[in-house]
Amino acid sequence: MLNWSNYMHADEQLVWQGRPAPRCFTFRRWRQALFGLVLLLLCCWWQYTGWQMRLQGADLLWCVIPLPFMLLSAYICCGQLLLARWEWERVFYALTSAQILVQCGKWQSRIIAIPLAQLNYQCMYPLGEHLGDLYLEAGNRRLTLRCVEQPHQLYELLKVVIEANQSADRVK
């Protein structure tokens, strides 16, 4: 796990930490990848047809036009999955006594910090018995913690915080 001490205040304590499940995080866009596969097959057929037309004396343009579409569909099919797996290496979640910390980033890691005092809404989207996405709102900021393993633990911890924030808002 990640050393969060650089991002915490002196009086903060680490309450919970985790990271996304690797397969869930990598394949969360599997429908797009499936669409990309169909698109890639169509583009390969288009490229083959253009090449056959070129062999029969047609313009070179028929071979060149499908290439960008093939590259795009290859990215949608396979590239996004590889990029998500590479991004997974840099994604960590933490809950401290004062804030939620998220390290993320594809090319360069960055830290997102949301003070617990600003949390006002959460929603859990189960992806399985022990897996889920947590959607959080803190004022006008929105954050989704993707593919959290054992999300019920974090959900219950944040539920107490949100209830305390809502009761404090009612008092004001």
N, C-alpha and C. Protein backbone atom coordinates (compact mmCIF):
# COMPACT_ATOMS: atom_id res chain seq x y z
N MET A 1 0.83 -1.19 0.00
CA MET A 1 0.00 0.00 0.00
C MET A 1 0.87 1.25 0.00
N LEU A 2 0.25 2.35 -0.27
CA LEU A 2 0.92 3.63 -0.41
C LEU A 2 1.17 4.26 0.96
N ASN A 3 2.25 4.99 1.09
CA ASN A 3 2.54 5.74 2.32
C ASN A 3 1.83 7.09 2.21
N TRP A 4 0.78 7.28 3.00
CA TRP A 4 -0.06 8.46 2.94
C TRP A 4 0.43 9.58 3.86
N SER A 5 1.46 9.34 4.65
CA SER A 5 1.87 10.31 5.67
C SER A 5 2.25 11.67 5.07
N ASN A 6 2.73 11.71 3.84
CA ASN A 6 3.09 12.98 3.21
C ASN A 6 1.87 13.85 2.91
N TYR A 7 0.69 13.26 2.86
CA TYR A 7 -0.52 13.98 2.49
C TYR A 7 -1.47 14.19 3.66
N MET A 8 -1.04 13.78 4.85
CA MET A 8 -1.87 13.88 6.05
C MET A 8 -1.29 14.93 6.99
N HIS A 9 -2.18 15.55 7.76
CA HIS A 9 -1.74 16.48 8.80
C HIS A 9 -1.21 15.69 9.98
N ALA A 10 -0.53 16.35 10.87
CA ALA A 10 0.12 15.68 12.00
C ALA A 10 -0.88 14.97 12.92
N ASP A 11 -2.07 15.52 13.08
CA ASP A 11 -3.06 14.93 14.00
C ASP A 11 -4.01 13.95 13.32
N GLU A 12 -3.84 13.70 12.03
CA GLU A 12 -4.72 12.77 11.30
C GLU A 12 -4.30 11.33 11.49
N GLN A 13 -5.29 10.45 11.43
CA GLN A 13 -5.03 9.02 11.50
C GLN A 13 -5.63 8.35 10.26
N LEU A 14 -4.95 7.34 9.80
CA LEU A 14 -5.45 6.57 8.66
C LEU A 14 -6.52 5.62 9.17
N VAL A 15 -7.73 5.74 8.60
CA VAL A 15 -8.87 4.92 9.03
C VAL A 15 -9.06 3.72 8.12
N TRP A 16 -8.90 3.93 6.82
CA TRP A 16 -9.12 2.88 5.82
C TRP A 16 -8.27 3.19 4.61
N GLN A 17 -7.77 2.14 3.96
CA GLN A 17 -7.08 2.31 2.69
C GLN A 17 -7.35 1.11 1.81
N GLY A 18 -7.31 1.34 0.52
CA GLY A 18 -7.56 0.26 -0.43
C GLY A 18 -7.19 0.70 -1.82
N ARG A 19 -7.47 -0.18 -2.75
CA ARG A 19 -7.24 0.12 -4.15
C ARG A 19 -8.24 -0.67 -4.97
N PRO A 20 -8.42 -0.31 -6.23
CA PRO A 20 -9.40 -1.03 -7.04
C PRO A 20 -8.98 -2.47 -7.31
N ALA A 21 -9.97 -3.30 -7.50
CA ALA A 21 -9.70 -4.67 -7.93
C ALA A 21 -9.17 -4.60 -9.36
N PRO A 22 -8.05 -5.28 -9.65
CA PRO A 22 -7.40 -5.09 -10.96
C PRO A 22 -8.26 -5.49 -12.16
N ARG A 23 -8.90 -6.65 -12.12
CA ARG A 23 -9.70 -7.06 -13.28
C ARG A 23 -10.90 -6.16 -13.48
N CYS A 24 -11.55 -5.80 -12.38
CA CYS A 24 -12.72 -4.91 -12.46
C CYS A 24 -12.32 -3.57 -13.04
N PHE A 25 -11.23 -3.00 -12.55
CA PHE A 25 -10.78 -1.69 -13.01
C PHE A 25 -10.37 -1.73 -14.48
N THR A 26 -9.69 -2.78 -14.87
CA THR A 26 -9.21 -2.91 -16.24
C THR A 26 -10.36 -3.12 -17.23
N PHE A 27 -11.30 -3.97 -16.87
CA PHE A 27 -12.38 -4.33 -17.80
C PHE A 27 -13.68 -3.60 -17.53
N ARG A 28 -13.64 -2.46 -16.85
CA ARG A 28 -14.87 -1.73 -16.54
C ARG A 28 -15.55 -1.18 -17.79
N ARG A 29 -14.83 -1.07 -18.88
CA ARG A 29 -15.40 -0.59 -20.14
C ARG A 29 -15.44 -1.71 -21.19
N TRP A 30 -15.80 -2.90 -20.76
CA TRP A 30 -15.75 -4.05 -21.65
C TRP A 30 -16.74 -3.92 -22.81
N ARG A 31 -17.86 -3.20 -22.59
CA ARG A 31 -18.83 -3.03 -23.68
C ARG A 31 -18.22 -2.19 -24.81
N GLN A 32 -17.47 -1.16 -24.44
CA GLN A 32 -16.79 -0.35 -25.46
C GLN A 32 -15.75 -1.18 -26.19
N ALA A 33 -15.04 -2.04 -25.46
CA ALA A 33 -14.03 -2.89 -26.08
C ALA A 33 -14.68 -3.87 -27.06
N LEU A 34 -15.84 -4.40 -26.70
CA LEU A 34 -16.56 -5.30 -27.60
C LEU A 34 -17.01 -4.55 -28.85
N PHE A 35 -17.52 -3.34 -28.69
CA PHE A 35 -17.89 -2.51 -29.83
C PHE A 35 -16.65 -2.24 -30.69
N GLY A 36 -15.52 -1.97 -30.04
CA GLY A 36 -14.27 -1.72 -30.77
C GLY A 36 -13.84 -2.93 -31.58
N LEU A 37 -14.07 -4.12 -31.05
CA LEU A 37 -13.73 -5.34 -31.78
C LEU A 37 -14.57 -5.46 -33.05
N VAL A 38 -15.86 -5.21 -32.94
CA VAL A 38 -16.73 -5.26 -34.12
C VAL A 38 -16.29 -4.21 -35.13
N LEU A 39 -16.01 -3.01 -34.64
CA LEU A 39 -15.55 -1.93 -35.51
C LEU A 39 -14.21 -2.28 -36.17
N LEU A 40 -13.31 -2.90 -35.41
CA LEU A 40 -12.02 -3.30 -35.95
C LEU A 40 -12.18 -4.34 -37.07
N LEU A 41 -13.07 -5.30 -36.87
CA LEU A 41 -13.32 -6.30 -37.91
C LEU A 41 -13.86 -5.65 -39.18
N LEU A 42 -14.78 -4.70 -39.01
CA LEU A 42 -15.31 -3.98 -40.18
C LEU A 42 -14.22 -3.18 -40.88
N CYS A 43 -13.37 -2.53 -40.10
CA CYS A 43 -12.29 -1.74 -40.69
C CYS A 43 -11.26 -2.63 -41.39
N CYS A 44 -11.01 -3.81 -40.83
CA CYS A 44 -10.10 -4.75 -41.50
C CYS A 44 -10.68 -5.21 -42.83
N TRP A 45 -11.98 -5.46 -42.84
CA TRP A 45 -12.64 -5.83 -44.10
C TRP A 45 -12.54 -4.68 -45.09
N TRP A 46 -12.76 -3.45 -44.61
CA TRP A 46 -12.68 -2.25 -45.46
C TRP A 46 -11.26 -2.10 -46.01
N GLN A 47 -10.26 -2.34 -45.16
CA GLN A 47 -8.86 -2.24 -45.59
C GLN A 47 -8.55 -3.31 -46.65
N TYR A 48 -9.01 -4.53 -46.40
CA TYR A 48 -8.79 -5.62 -47.36
C TYR A 48 -9.44 -5.29 -48.70
N THR A 49 -10.66 -4.79 -48.66
CA THR A 49 -11.37 -4.42 -49.89
C THR A 49 -10.62 -3.31 -50.63
N GLY A 50 -10.15 -2.32 -49.87
CA GLY A 50 -9.37 -1.23 -50.48
C GLY A 50 -8.09 -1.73 -51.11
N TRP A 51 -7.45 -2.69 -50.45
CA TRP A 51 -6.21 -3.26 -51.01
C TRP A 51 -6.51 -4.04 -52.29
N GLN A 52 -7.57 -4.80 -52.30
CA GLN A 52 -7.96 -5.54 -53.50
C GLN A 52 -8.29 -4.59 -54.65
N MET A 53 -8.94 -3.48 -54.32
CA MET A 53 -9.24 -2.48 -55.35
C MET A 53 -7.96 -1.86 -55.88
N ARG A 54 -7.00 -1.63 -55.01
CA ARG A 54 -5.70 -1.07 -55.41
C ARG A 54 -4.98 -2.03 -56.35
N LEU A 55 -5.04 -3.33 -56.07
CA LEU A 55 -4.40 -4.32 -56.93
C LEU A 55 -5.04 -4.35 -58.33
N GLN A 56 -6.30 -3.95 -58.41
CA GLN A 56 -6.99 -3.92 -59.70
C GLN A 56 -6.87 -2.57 -60.39
N GLY A 57 -6.03 -1.68 -59.82
CA GLY A 57 -5.75 -0.41 -60.49
C GLY A 57 -6.47 0.80 -59.92
N ALA A 58 -7.17 0.63 -58.85
CA ALA A 58 -7.87 1.78 -58.26
C ALA A 58 -6.87 2.72 -57.58
N ASP A 59 -7.34 3.84 -57.18
CA ASP A 59 -6.52 4.87 -56.54
C ASP A 59 -5.99 4.39 -55.18
N LEU A 60 -4.81 4.87 -54.80
CA LEU A 60 -4.18 4.53 -53.52
C LEU A 60 -5.03 4.99 -52.33
N LEU A 61 -5.85 5.97 -52.56
CA LEU A 61 -6.70 6.52 -51.51
C LEU A 61 -7.56 5.44 -50.84
N TRP A 62 -8.00 4.44 -51.61
CA TRP A 62 -8.83 3.37 -51.06
C TRP A 62 -8.09 2.53 -50.02
N CYS A 63 -6.77 2.51 -50.08
CA CYS A 63 -5.97 1.80 -49.07
C CYS A 63 -5.65 2.67 -47.87
N VAL A 64 -5.62 3.98 -48.07
CA VAL A 64 -5.21 4.90 -47.01
C VAL A 64 -6.37 5.31 -46.10
N ILE A 65 -7.54 5.50 -46.67
CA ILE A 65 -8.70 5.98 -45.90
C ILE A 65 -9.02 5.09 -44.70
N PRO A 66 -9.02 3.77 -44.79
CA PRO A 66 -9.39 2.95 -43.63
C PRO A 66 -8.36 2.95 -42.49
N LEU A 67 -7.12 3.35 -42.76
CA LEU A 67 -6.07 3.25 -41.73
C LEU A 67 -6.38 4.01 -40.44
N PRO A 68 -6.79 5.28 -40.47
CA PRO A 68 -7.10 5.95 -39.20
C PRO A 68 -8.25 5.29 -38.45
N PHE A 69 -9.22 4.78 -39.20
CA PHE A 69 -10.35 4.10 -38.56
C PHE A 69 -9.91 2.78 -37.91
N MET A 70 -8.97 2.10 -38.56
CA MET A 70 -8.42 0.87 -37.98
C MET A 70 -7.66 1.18 -36.69
N LEU A 71 -6.87 2.24 -36.69
CA LEU A 71 -6.12 2.62 -35.49
C LEU A 71 -7.06 3.00 -34.35
N LEU A 72 -8.08 3.78 -34.66
CA LEU A 72 -9.04 4.18 -33.64
C LEU A 72 -9.79 2.97 -33.08
N SER A 73 -10.23 2.08 -33.94
CA SER A 73 -10.97 0.91 -33.46
C SER A 73 -10.04 -0.04 -32.70
N ALA A 74 -8.76 -0.11 -33.06
CA ALA A 74 -7.81 -0.94 -32.30
C ALA A 74 -7.62 -0.37 -30.90
N TYR A 75 -7.59 0.97 -30.80
CA TYR A 75 -7.50 1.58 -29.47
C TYR A 75 -8.75 1.27 -28.64
N ILE A 76 -9.93 1.43 -29.25
CA ILE A 76 -11.17 1.17 -28.53
C ILE A 76 -11.24 -0.30 -28.10
N CYS A 77 -10.78 -1.20 -28.96
CA CYS A 77 -10.83 -2.63 -28.68
C CYS A 77 -9.81 -3.04 -27.63
N CYS A 78 -8.55 -2.72 -27.83
CA CYS A 78 -7.48 -3.23 -26.96
C CYS A 78 -6.73 -2.15 -26.19
N GLY A 79 -6.51 -1.01 -26.83
CA GLY A 79 -5.69 0.03 -26.24
C GLY A 79 -6.22 0.56 -24.93
N GLN A 80 -7.53 0.78 -24.86
CA GLN A 80 -8.10 1.31 -23.62
C GLN A 80 -7.97 0.31 -22.47
N LEU A 81 -8.03 -0.98 -22.77
CA LEU A 81 -7.85 -1.99 -21.73
C LEU A 81 -6.42 -1.99 -21.21
N LEU A 82 -5.47 -1.89 -22.11
CA LEU A 82 -4.06 -1.85 -21.71
C LEU A 82 -3.76 -0.57 -20.93
N LEU A 83 -4.34 0.54 -21.36
CA LEU A 83 -4.14 1.80 -20.66
C LEU A 83 -4.76 1.77 -19.26
N ALA A 84 -5.93 1.16 -19.12
CA ALA A 84 -6.58 1.04 -17.82
C ALA A 84 -5.76 0.15 -16.89
N ARG A 85 -5.19 -0.90 -17.42
CA ARG A 85 -4.34 -1.76 -16.58
C ARG A 85 -3.09 -1.03 -16.14
N TRP A 86 -2.54 -0.21 -17.01
CA TRP A 86 -1.36 0.57 -16.66
C TRP A 86 -1.73 1.63 -15.62
N GLU A 87 -2.92 2.24 -15.77
CA GLU A 87 -3.38 3.24 -14.80
C GLU A 87 -3.61 2.62 -13.44
N TRP A 88 -4.07 1.37 -13.40
CA TRP A 88 -4.37 0.70 -12.14
C TRP A 88 -3.17 0.71 -11.19
N GLU A 89 -1.98 0.63 -11.75
CA GLU A 89 -0.76 0.62 -10.93
C GLU A 89 -0.63 1.89 -10.09
N ARG A 90 -1.28 2.97 -10.48
CA ARG A 90 -1.14 4.26 -9.82
C ARG A 90 -2.37 4.68 -9.03
N VAL A 91 -3.36 3.82 -8.86
CA VAL A 91 -4.61 4.20 -8.19
C VAL A 91 -4.67 3.59 -6.79
N PHE A 92 -4.82 4.49 -5.81
CA PHE A 92 -4.95 4.10 -4.41
C PHE A 92 -6.00 4.99 -3.76
N TYR A 93 -6.71 4.44 -2.76
CA TYR A 93 -7.72 5.18 -2.02
C TYR A 93 -7.39 5.14 -0.55
N ALA A 94 -7.72 6.23 0.17
CA ALA A 94 -7.52 6.25 1.62
C ALA A 94 -8.57 7.14 2.25
N LEU A 95 -8.97 6.75 3.46
CA LEU A 95 -9.85 7.56 4.29
C LEU A 95 -9.10 7.84 5.58
N THR A 96 -8.92 9.10 5.90
CA THR A 96 -8.27 9.48 7.16
C THR A 96 -9.34 10.04 8.08
N SER A 97 -8.93 10.47 9.23
CA SER A 97 -9.88 11.05 10.17
C SER A 97 -10.37 12.42 9.71
N ALA A 98 -9.75 13.01 8.70
CA ALA A 98 -10.14 14.36 8.26
C ALA A 98 -10.44 14.47 6.76
N GLN A 99 -10.04 13.50 5.95
CA GLN A 99 -10.21 13.66 4.51
C GLN A 99 -10.20 12.33 3.78
N ILE A 100 -10.66 12.41 2.53
CA ILE A 100 -10.56 11.27 1.62
C ILE A 100 -9.42 11.60 0.66
N LEU A 101 -8.51 10.65 0.47
CA LEU A 101 -7.38 10.84 -0.42
C LEU A 101 -7.45 9.82 -1.56
N VAL A 102 -7.21 10.28 -2.76
CA VAL A 102 -7.19 9.40 -3.93
C VAL A 102 -5.94 9.74 -4.73
N GLN A 103 -5.12 8.72 -4.97
CA GLN A 103 -4.01 8.89 -5.90
C GLN A 103 -4.43 8.26 -7.21
N CYS A 104 -4.27 9.00 -8.30
CA CYS A 104 -4.67 8.50 -9.61
C CYS A 104 -3.82 9.16 -10.68
N GLY A 105 -4.05 8.79 -11.92
CA GLY A 105 -3.35 9.39 -13.05
C GLY A 105 -2.75 8.36 -13.97
N LYS A 106 -2.93 8.59 -15.25
CA LYS A 106 -2.38 7.66 -16.24
C LYS A 106 -0.90 7.91 -16.48
N TRP A 107 -0.54 9.17 -16.69
CA TRP A 107 0.84 9.50 -17.04
C TRP A 107 1.63 9.99 -15.84
N GLN A 108 0.97 10.77 -15.00
CA GLN A 108 1.64 11.31 -13.83
C GLN A 108 0.67 11.21 -12.66
N SER A 109 1.15 10.70 -11.55
CA SER A 109 0.29 10.54 -10.38
C SER A 109 -0.08 11.89 -9.80
N ARG A 110 -1.32 11.99 -9.37
CA ARG A 110 -1.78 13.19 -8.67
C ARG A 110 -2.63 12.77 -7.50
N ILE A 111 -2.74 13.65 -6.53
CA ILE A 111 -3.51 13.38 -5.33
C ILE A 111 -4.76 14.25 -5.32
N ILE A 112 -5.88 13.63 -5.07
CA ILE A 112 -7.14 14.35 -4.87
C ILE A 112 -7.47 14.23 -3.39
N ALA A 113 -7.70 15.35 -2.74
CA ALA A 113 -8.04 15.36 -1.32
C ALA A 113 -9.37 16.08 -1.13
N ILE A 114 -10.29 15.42 -0.45
CA ILE A 114 -11.59 16.00 -0.16
C ILE A 114 -11.79 15.96 1.36
N PRO A 115 -11.95 17.13 1.98
CA PRO A 115 -12.19 17.14 3.43
C PRO A 115 -13.51 16.45 3.78
N LEU A 116 -13.51 15.68 4.84
CA LEU A 116 -14.72 14.96 5.24
C LEU A 116 -15.84 15.92 5.64
N ALA A 117 -15.48 17.09 6.12
CA ALA A 117 -16.49 18.07 6.53
C ALA A 117 -17.34 18.55 5.36
N GLN A 118 -16.85 18.39 4.14
CA GLN A 118 -17.60 18.82 2.95
C GLN A 118 -18.47 17.73 2.36
N LEU A 119 -18.30 16.48 2.78
CA LEU A 119 -19.09 15.38 2.22
C LEU A 119 -20.56 15.55 2.55
N ASN A 120 -21.42 15.44 1.52
CA ASN A 120 -22.85 15.57 1.78
C ASN A 120 -23.69 14.48 1.12
N TYR A 121 -23.08 13.61 0.31
CA TYR A 121 -23.86 12.56 -0.35
C TYR A 121 -22.93 11.44 -0.79
N GLN A 122 -23.45 10.22 -0.71
CA GLN A 122 -22.73 9.06 -1.25
C GLN A 122 -23.74 8.05 -1.77
N CYS A 123 -23.30 7.27 -2.71
CA CYS A 123 -24.13 6.22 -3.28
C CYS A 123 -23.21 5.06 -3.66
N MET A 124 -23.66 3.86 -3.39
CA MET A 124 -22.85 2.69 -3.74
C MET A 124 -23.54 1.94 -4.88
N TYR A 125 -22.75 1.61 -5.88
CA TYR A 125 -23.22 0.82 -7.02
C TYR A 125 -22.54 -0.54 -6.95
N PRO A 126 -23.25 -1.57 -6.48
CA PRO A 126 -22.62 -2.89 -6.37
C PRO A 126 -22.29 -3.46 -7.74
N LEU A 127 -21.12 -4.06 -7.82
CA LEU A 127 -20.68 -4.73 -9.05
C LEU A 127 -20.57 -6.23 -8.83
N GLY A 128 -20.81 -6.65 -7.63
CA GLY A 128 -20.71 -8.05 -7.22
C GLY A 128 -20.91 -8.11 -5.72
N GLU A 129 -20.76 -9.28 -5.17
CA GLU A 129 -20.99 -9.44 -3.73
C GLU A 129 -19.97 -8.67 -2.89
N HIS A 130 -18.73 -8.63 -3.34
CA HIS A 130 -17.67 -7.97 -2.58
C HIS A 130 -16.97 -6.88 -3.39
N LEU A 131 -17.71 -6.24 -4.30
CA LEU A 131 -17.10 -5.28 -5.20
C LEU A 131 -18.13 -4.21 -5.53
N GLY A 132 -17.68 -2.95 -5.62
CA GLY A 132 -18.62 -1.89 -5.96
C GLY A 132 -17.93 -0.57 -6.23
N ASP A 133 -18.69 0.35 -6.82
CA ASP A 133 -18.24 1.72 -7.04
C ASP A 133 -18.90 2.59 -5.99
N LEU A 134 -18.15 3.55 -5.45
CA LEU A 134 -18.70 4.51 -4.50
C LEU A 134 -18.68 5.89 -5.14
N TYR A 135 -19.84 6.50 -5.24
CA TYR A 135 -19.98 7.84 -5.78
C TYR A 135 -20.11 8.79 -4.60
N LEU A 136 -19.29 9.85 -4.58
CA LEU A 136 -19.28 10.80 -3.47
C LEU A 136 -19.49 12.21 -3.99
N GLU A 137 -20.20 13.02 -3.20
CA GLU A 137 -20.36 14.44 -3.50
C GLU A 137 -19.93 15.23 -2.28
N ALA A 138 -19.17 16.28 -2.54
CA ALA A 138 -18.73 17.20 -1.49
C ALA A 138 -18.91 18.61 -2.05
N GLY A 139 -20.03 19.21 -1.76
CA GLY A 139 -20.33 20.51 -2.35
C GLY A 139 -20.53 20.34 -3.84
N ASN A 140 -19.74 21.05 -4.63
CA ASN A 140 -19.86 20.93 -6.08
C ASN A 140 -18.85 19.94 -6.66
N ARG A 141 -18.08 19.27 -5.82
CA ARG A 141 -17.11 18.26 -6.28
C ARG A 141 -17.75 16.88 -6.28
N ARG A 142 -17.43 16.11 -7.30
CA ARG A 142 -17.93 14.74 -7.41
C ARG A 142 -16.76 13.82 -7.65
N LEU A 143 -16.84 12.65 -7.03
CA LEU A 143 -15.74 11.69 -7.12
C LEU A 143 -16.32 10.29 -7.10
N THR A 144 -15.81 9.43 -7.96
CA THR A 144 -16.22 8.03 -7.96
C THR A 144 -14.99 7.17 -7.67
N LEU A 145 -15.10 6.37 -6.62
CA LEU A 145 -14.07 5.40 -6.30
C LEU A 145 -14.46 4.11 -7.00
N ARG A 146 -13.73 3.76 -8.02
CA ARG A 146 -14.08 2.63 -8.89
C ARG A 146 -13.58 1.31 -8.32
N CYS A 147 -14.43 0.29 -8.44
CA CYS A 147 -14.06 -1.11 -8.20
C CYS A 147 -13.45 -1.33 -6.81
N VAL A 148 -14.06 -0.76 -5.79
CA VAL A 148 -13.57 -0.92 -4.42
C VAL A 148 -13.91 -2.32 -3.93
N GLU A 149 -12.91 -3.01 -3.39
CA GLU A 149 -13.15 -4.31 -2.78
C GLU A 149 -13.69 -4.09 -1.37
N GLN A 150 -14.67 -4.86 -0.98
CA GLN A 150 -15.36 -4.72 0.30
C GLN A 150 -15.87 -3.28 0.47
N PRO A 151 -16.69 -2.78 -0.45
CA PRO A 151 -17.13 -1.38 -0.39
C PRO A 151 -18.04 -1.07 0.80
N HIS A 152 -18.67 -2.10 1.37
CA HIS A 152 -19.60 -1.87 2.48
C HIS A 152 -18.88 -1.28 3.68
N GLN A 153 -17.62 -1.68 3.90
CA GLN A 153 -16.86 -1.13 5.03
C GLN A 153 -16.70 0.37 4.88
N LEU A 154 -16.23 0.81 3.74
CA LEU A 154 -16.03 2.23 3.49
C LEU A 154 -17.36 2.97 3.47
N TYR A 155 -18.38 2.36 2.90
CA TYR A 155 -19.70 2.99 2.83
C TYR A 155 -20.22 3.28 4.23
N GLU A 156 -20.09 2.34 5.13
CA GLU A 156 -20.58 2.53 6.51
C GLU A 156 -19.78 3.61 7.24
N LEU A 157 -18.47 3.63 7.03
CA LEU A 157 -17.64 4.67 7.65
C LEU A 157 -18.05 6.06 7.15
N LEU A 158 -18.28 6.19 5.86
CA LEU A 158 -18.67 7.48 5.29
C LEU A 158 -20.11 7.86 5.63
N LYS A 159 -20.95 6.86 5.83
CA LYS A 159 -22.34 7.12 6.20
C LYS A 159 -22.40 7.88 7.52
N VAL A 160 -21.58 7.48 8.48
CA VAL A 160 -21.53 8.15 9.78
C VAL A 160 -21.07 9.60 9.60
N VAL A 161 -20.08 9.82 8.76
CA VAL A 161 -19.55 11.17 8.52
C VAL A 161 -20.62 12.05 7.86
N ILE A 162 -21.31 11.52 6.87
CA ILE A 162 -22.32 12.30 6.15
C ILE A 162 -23.49 12.64 7.07
N GLU A 163 -23.91 11.68 7.89
CA GLU A 163 -24.99 11.97 8.84
C GLU A 163 -24.58 13.05 9.83
N ALA A 164 -23.34 13.02 10.28
CA ALA A 164 -22.85 14.07 11.19
C ALA A 164 -22.81 15.42 10.49
N ASN A 165 -22.39 15.44 9.23
CA ASN A 165 -22.37 16.70 8.46
C ASN A 165 -23.77 17.25 8.25
N GLN A 166 -24.73 16.37 7.97
CA GLN A 166 -26.11 16.82 7.75
C GLN A 166 -26.74 17.33 9.03
N SER A 167 -26.45 16.68 10.15
CA SER A 167 -27.00 17.18 11.41
C SER A 167 -26.35 18.49 11.81
N ALA A 168 -25.08 18.68 11.49
CA ALA A 168 -24.41 19.95 11.78
C ALA A 168 -24.99 21.07 10.89
N ASP A 169 -25.35 20.74 9.65
CA ASP A 169 -25.96 21.73 8.75
C ASP A 169 -27.35 22.14 9.24
N ARG A 170 -28.09 21.20 9.82
CA ARG A 170 -29.43 21.51 10.34
C ARG A 170 -29.34 22.44 11.54
N VAL A 171 -28.29 22.29 12.33
CA VAL A 171 -28.12 23.12 13.52
C VAL A 171 -27.84 24.57 13.12
N LYS A 172 -27.12 24.77 12.01
CA LYS A 172 -26.75 26.13 11.58
C LYS A 172 -27.91 26.95 11.19
